[in-house]
Amino acid sequence: MNHAHVKLIERFYKAFDNGDGQAMAACYTPDVHFSDPVFKDLHGERAGAMWRMLTEGPGDVRVELLEHEADDTTGSAHWKAHYNFSETGRPVVNDIRATFVFKDDLIAEHHDDFNFYAWSRQALGATGLLLGWTPIVKGTVQKKAAGLLAKYTATSGNAK
């Protein structure tokens, strides 16, 4: 166990629970790689900008860090996010597994995995229930999220 990396994971999720995207971004290396089922491939400053965008958005997020561990090079976390999806106002509890790779005592790679169909049923209601398992819905959500991030970074100067 690497206590510094364990503390880094704790700091990252505490910042998320506090709505502090800047503190979350500070846990990343400048060339970090992030991916999840919605934001598929973010590098560098765009990953930090995503967290700033999400924490500056409307509504509150409550984050539970359920389990986590880390060694000298890798780590993992099981966490839940509780929030209302801004587009529909529907309540969501997203159950997420994260994996990390560390470099220079910061997060160099961060990959979140969650059941997109379970998320879409909560966030999108009937559309998610009926079509959330299809590539069409997933692709639409990914495209919309990418567009929101592009607009956010263009207007805030937070990433290229």
C-alpha atoms as a PDB file:
ATOM      1  CA  MET A   1       0.000   0.000   0.000  1.00  0.00           C
ATOM      2  CA  ASN A   2       1.211   3.485  -0.865  1.00  0.00           C
ATOM      3  CA  HIS A   3      -0.252   5.902   1.685  1.00  0.00           C
ATOM      4  CA  ALA A   4       0.471   8.990  -0.434  1.00  0.00           C
ATOM      5  CA  HIS A   5      -1.530   7.551  -3.330  1.00  0.00           C
ATOM      6  CA  VAL A   6      -4.350   6.466  -1.008  1.00  0.00           C
ATOM      7  CA  LYS A   7      -4.490  10.038   0.340  1.00  0.00           C
ATOM      8  CA  LEU A   8      -4.465  11.398  -3.236  1.00  0.00           C
ATOM      9  CA  ILE A   9      -7.544   9.310  -4.100  1.00  0.00           C
ATOM     10  CA  GLU A  10      -9.248  10.512  -0.911  1.00  0.00           C
ATOM     11  CA  ARG A  11      -8.373  14.142  -1.715  1.00  0.00           C
ATOM     12  CA  PHE A  12      -9.736  13.770  -5.266  1.00  0.00           C
ATOM     13  CA  TYR A  13     -13.137  12.456  -4.154  1.00  0.00           C
ATOM     14  CA  LYS A  14     -13.369  14.850  -1.185  1.00  0.00           C
ATOM     15  CA  ALA A  15     -12.855  17.719  -3.658  1.00  0.00           C
ATOM     16  CA  PHE A  16     -15.602  16.260  -5.868  1.00  0.00           C
ATOM     17  CA  ASP A  17     -17.972  16.000  -2.909  1.00  0.00           C
ATOM     18  CA  ASN A  18     -17.150  19.640  -2.080  1.00  0.00           C
ATOM     19  CA  GLY A  19     -17.799  20.730  -5.684  1.00  0.00           C
ATOM     20  CA  ASP A  20     -14.176  21.810  -6.185  1.00  0.00           C
ATOM     21  CA  GLY A  21     -13.239  20.894  -9.751  1.00  0.00           C
ATOM     22  CA  GLN A  22     -10.046  22.925  -9.544  1.00  0.00           C
ATOM     23  CA  ALA A  23      -8.799  20.811  -6.615  1.00  0.00           C
ATOM     24  CA  MET A  24      -9.740  17.668  -8.540  1.00  0.00           C
ATOM     25  CA  ALA A  25      -7.750  18.840 -11.585  1.00  0.00           C
ATOM     26  CA  ALA A  26      -4.774  19.545  -9.317  1.00  0.00           C
ATOM     27  CA  CYS A  27      -4.604  15.798  -8.556  1.00  0.00           C
ATOM     28  CA  TYR A  28      -3.780  15.093 -12.220  1.00  0.00           C
ATOM     29  CA  THR A  29      -0.492  15.201 -14.111  1.00  0.00           C
ATOM     30  CA  PRO A  30      -0.416  17.785 -16.928  1.00  0.00           C
ATOM     31  CA  ASP A  31      -0.653  14.966 -19.504  1.00  0.00           C
ATOM     32  CA  VAL A  32      -3.346  12.906 -17.724  1.00  0.00           C
ATOM     33  CA  HIS A  33      -5.587  10.574 -19.724  1.00  0.00           C
ATOM     34  CA  PHE A  34      -9.227  10.221 -18.568  1.00  0.00           C
ATOM     35  CA  SER A  35     -12.022   8.073 -19.951  1.00  0.00           C
ATOM     36  CA  ASP A  36     -15.475   6.868 -18.980  1.00  0.00           C
ATOM     37  CA  PRO A  37     -18.545   5.666 -20.910  1.00  0.00           C
ATOM     38  CA  VAL A  38     -19.584   9.273 -21.684  1.00  0.00           C
ATOM     39  CA  PHE A  39     -16.283  11.182 -21.923  1.00  0.00           C
ATOM     40  CA  LYS A  40     -14.369   8.560 -23.885  1.00  0.00           C
ATOM     41  CA  ASP A  41     -10.925  10.075 -24.373  1.00  0.00           C
ATOM     42  CA  LEU A  42      -9.797  13.252 -22.611  1.00  0.00           C
ATOM     43  CA  HIS A  43      -6.143  14.237 -22.394  1.00  0.00           C
ATOM     44  CA  GLY A  44      -4.323  16.858 -20.360  1.00  0.00           C
ATOM     45  CA  GLU A  45      -6.145  20.038 -19.493  1.00  0.00           C
ATOM     46  CA  ARG A  46      -9.442  18.810 -21.010  1.00  0.00           C
ATOM     47  CA  ALA A  47      -9.788  16.216 -18.225  1.00  0.00           C
ATOM     48  CA  GLY A  48      -9.491  18.878 -15.538  1.00  0.00           C
ATOM     49  CA  ALA A  49     -11.828  21.154 -17.487  1.00  0.00           C
ATOM     50  CA  MET A  50     -14.439  18.384 -17.505  1.00  0.00           C
ATOM     51  CA  TRP A  51     -14.411  18.193 -13.691  1.00  0.00           C
ATOM     52  CA  ARG A  52     -14.580  21.989 -13.400  1.00  0.00           C
ATOM     53  CA  MET A  53     -17.530  22.041 -15.804  1.00  0.00           C
ATOM     54  CA  LEU A  54     -19.355  19.298 -13.895  1.00  0.00           C
ATOM     55  CA  THR A  55     -18.781  20.872 -10.482  1.00  0.00           C
ATOM     56  CA  GLU A  56     -19.711  24.379 -11.667  1.00  0.00           C
ATOM     57  CA  GLY A  57     -22.952  23.170 -13.259  1.00  0.00           C
ATOM     58  CA  PRO A  58     -26.377  23.479 -11.695  1.00  0.00           C
ATOM     59  CA  GLY A  59     -27.343  21.281  -8.768  1.00  0.00           C
ATOM     60  CA  ASP A  60     -25.410  19.488  -6.115  1.00  0.00           C
ATOM     61  CA  VAL A  61     -23.537  16.220  -6.269  1.00  0.00           C
ATOM     62  CA  ARG A  62     -22.980  14.016  -3.252  1.00  0.00           C
ATOM     63  CA  VAL A  63     -20.036  11.653  -3.641  1.00  0.00           C
ATOM     64  CA  GLU A  64     -19.452   8.532  -1.571  1.00  0.00           C
ATOM     65  CA  LEU A  65     -16.028   6.924  -1.672  1.00  0.00           C
ATOM     66  CA  LEU A  66     -16.952   3.346  -0.730  1.00  0.00           C
ATOM     67  CA  GLU A  67     -13.598   1.592  -1.145  1.00  0.00           C
ATOM     68  CA  HIS A  68     -10.171   2.495  -2.438  1.00  0.00           C
ATOM     69  CA  GLU A  69      -6.626   1.210  -2.533  1.00  0.00           C
ATOM     70  CA  ALA A  70      -3.321   2.092  -4.119  1.00  0.00           C
ATOM     71  CA  ASP A  71       0.200   0.829  -4.485  1.00  0.00           C
ATOM     72  CA  ASP A  72       3.270   2.542  -5.935  1.00  0.00           C
ATOM     73  CA  THR A  73       1.968   2.596  -9.512  1.00  0.00           C
ATOM     74  CA  THR A  74      -1.771   1.845  -9.616  1.00  0.00           C
ATOM     75  CA  GLY A  75      -4.939   2.292  -7.627  1.00  0.00           C
ATOM     76  CA  SER A  76      -8.665   1.725  -7.673  1.00  0.00           C
ATOM     77  CA  ALA A  77     -11.813   3.128  -6.160  1.00  0.00           C
ATOM     78  CA  HIS A  78     -15.455   2.190  -5.893  1.00  0.00           C
ATOM     79  CA  TRP A  79     -17.580   5.290  -5.566  1.00  0.00           C
ATOM     80  CA  LYS A  80     -21.141   6.538  -5.999  1.00  0.00           C
ATOM     81  CA  ALA A  81     -22.378   9.873  -7.253  1.00  0.00           C
ATOM     82  CA  HIS A  82     -25.837  11.078  -6.202  1.00  0.00           C
ATOM     83  CA  TYR A  83     -27.276  13.972  -8.236  1.00  0.00           C
ATOM     84  CA  ASN A  84     -30.166  15.173 -10.375  1.00  0.00           C
ATOM     85  CA  PHE A  85     -29.413  14.911 -14.093  1.00  0.00           C
ATOM     86  CA  SER A  86     -29.535  18.533 -15.267  1.00  0.00           C
ATOM     87  CA  GLU A  87     -31.220  17.804 -18.602  1.00  0.00           C
ATOM     88  CA  THR A  88     -34.202  15.949 -17.135  1.00  0.00           C
ATOM     89  CA  GLY A  89     -34.119  16.781 -13.415  1.00  0.00           C
ATOM     90  CA  ARG A  90     -34.307  13.058 -12.690  1.00  0.00           C
ATOM     91  CA  PRO A  91     -32.421  11.687  -9.643  1.00  0.00           C
ATOM     92  CA  VAL A  92     -29.418   9.488 -10.400  1.00  0.00           C
ATOM     93  CA  VAL A  93     -27.250   7.257  -8.249  1.00  0.00           C
ATOM     94  CA  ASN A  94     -24.298   6.260 -10.405  1.00  0.00           C
ATOM     95  CA  ASP A  95     -22.218   3.315  -9.142  1.00  0.00           C
ATOM     96  CA  ILE A  96     -18.696   3.680 -10.535  1.00  0.00           C
ATOM     97  CA  ARG A  97     -15.455   1.695 -10.503  1.00  0.00           C
ATOM     98  CA  ALA A  98     -12.296   3.722 -11.104  1.00  0.00           C
ATOM     99  CA  THR A  99      -8.773   2.642 -11.925  1.00  0.00           C
ATOM    100  CA  PHE A 100      -5.717   4.866 -11.702  1.00  0.00           C
ATOM    101  CA  VAL A 101      -2.094   4.944 -12.790  1.00  0.00           C
ATOM    102  CA  PHE A 102       0.181   7.262 -10.821  1.00  0.00           C
ATOM    103  CA  LYS A 103       3.214   9.244 -11.928  1.00  0.00           C
ATOM    104  CA  ASP A 104       5.161  11.703  -9.753  1.00  0.00           C
ATOM    105  CA  ASP A 105       2.578  11.213  -6.967  1.00  0.00           C
ATOM    106  CA  LEU A 106      -0.260  12.458  -9.186  1.00  0.00           C
ATOM    107  CA  ILE A 107      -2.892  10.682 -11.268  1.00  0.00           C
ATOM    108  CA  ALA A 108      -1.577  10.079 -14.800  1.00  0.00           C
ATOM    109  CA  GLU A 109      -4.419   7.819 -15.984  1.00  0.00           C
ATOM    110  CA  HIS A 110      -7.980   7.704 -14.692  1.00  0.00           C
ATOM    111  CA  HIS A 111     -10.608   5.374 -16.099  1.00  0.00           C
ATOM    112  CA  ASP A 112     -14.152   5.257 -14.717  1.00  0.00           C
ATOM    113  CA  ASP A 113     -16.481   2.430 -15.607  1.00  0.00           C
ATOM    114  CA  PHE A 114     -20.219   2.240 -14.953  1.00  0.00           C
ATOM    115  CA  ASN A 115     -23.249   0.527 -16.403  1.00  0.00           C
ATOM    116  CA  PHE A 116     -24.435   3.008 -19.027  1.00  0.00           C
ATOM    117  CA  TYR A 117     -27.832   1.327 -19.359  1.00  0.00           C
ATOM    118  CA  ALA A 118     -28.453   1.577 -15.593  1.00  0.00           C
ATOM    119  CA  TRP A 119     -27.410   5.238 -15.707  1.00  0.00           C
ATOM    120  CA  SER A 120     -29.610   6.012 -18.746  1.00  0.00           C
ATOM    121  CA  ARG A 121     -32.684   4.405 -17.151  1.00  0.00           C
ATOM    122  CA  GLN A 122     -32.308   6.768 -14.199  1.00  0.00           C
ATOM    123  CA  ALA A 123     -31.208   9.901 -16.046  1.00  0.00           C
ATOM    124  CA  LEU A 124     -33.407   9.651 -19.145  1.00  0.00           C
ATOM    125  CA  GLY A 125     -36.509   7.875 -17.835  1.00  0.00           C
ATOM    126  CA  ALA A 126     -38.581   6.071 -20.476  1.00  0.00           C
ATOM    127  CA  THR A 127     -36.085   6.811 -23.250  1.00  0.00           C
ATOM    128  CA  GLY A 128     -33.299   5.252 -21.204  1.00  0.00           C
ATOM    129  CA  LEU A 129     -35.448   2.290 -20.241  1.00  0.00           C
ATOM    130  CA  LEU A 130     -36.454   1.531 -23.814  1.00  0.00           C
ATOM    131  CA  LEU A 131     -33.349   2.588 -25.740  1.00  0.00           C
ATOM    132  CA  GLY A 132     -30.526   3.155 -23.223  1.00  0.00           C
ATOM    133  CA  TRP A 133     -28.855  -0.096 -24.189  1.00  0.00           C
ATOM    134  CA  THR A 134     -28.537   0.976 -27.834  1.00  0.00           C
ATOM    135  CA  PRO A 135     -25.455   2.568 -29.396  1.00  0.00           C
ATOM    136  CA  ILE A 136     -27.708   5.368 -30.674  1.00  0.00           C
ATOM    137  CA  VAL A 137     -28.552   6.671 -27.191  1.00  0.00           C
ATOM    138  CA  LYS A 138     -24.987   6.215 -25.941  1.00  0.00           C
ATOM    139  CA  GLY A 139     -23.610   8.013 -28.993  1.00  0.00           C
ATOM    140  CA  THR A 140     -26.095  10.861 -28.568  1.00  0.00           C
ATOM    141  CA  VAL A 141     -25.150  11.302 -24.899  1.00  0.00           C
ATOM    142  CA  GLN A 142     -21.423  11.184 -25.750  1.00  0.00           C
ATOM    143  CA  LYS A 143     -21.843  13.749 -28.530  1.00  0.00           C
ATOM    144  CA  LYS A 144     -23.875  16.090 -26.323  1.00  0.00           C
ATOM    145  CA  ALA A 145     -21.321  15.803 -23.482  1.00  0.00           C
ATOM    146  CA  ALA A 146     -18.436  16.519 -25.878  1.00  0.00           C
ATOM    147  CA  GLY A 147     -20.302  19.562 -27.199  1.00  0.00           C
ATOM    148  CA  LEU A 148     -20.915  20.884 -23.688  1.00  0.00           C
ATOM    149  CA  LEU A 149     -17.228  20.457 -22.820  1.00  0.00           C
ATOM    150  CA  ALA A 150     -16.141  22.182 -26.045  1.00  0.00           C
ATOM    151  CA  LYS A 151     -18.469  25.107 -25.321  1.00  0.00           C
ATOM    152  CA  TYR A 152     -17.301  25.290 -21.703  1.00  0.00           C
ATOM    153  CA  THR A 153     -13.616  25.319 -22.611  1.00  0.00           C
ATOM    154  CA  ALA A 154     -14.152  27.863 -25.396  1.00  0.00           C
ATOM    155  CA  THR A 155     -15.978  30.312 -23.139  1.00  0.00           C
ATOM    156  CA  SER A 156     -13.983  29.778 -19.943  1.00  0.00           C
ATOM    157  CA  GLY A 157     -10.490  29.475 -21.393  1.00  0.00           C
ATOM    158  CA  ASN A 158     -10.062  26.272 -19.357  1.00  0.00           C
ATOM    159  CA  ALA A 159      -8.583  24.012 -22.046  1.00  0.00           C
ATOM    160  CA  LYS A 160      -7.696  23.787 -25.672  1.00  0.00           C
END
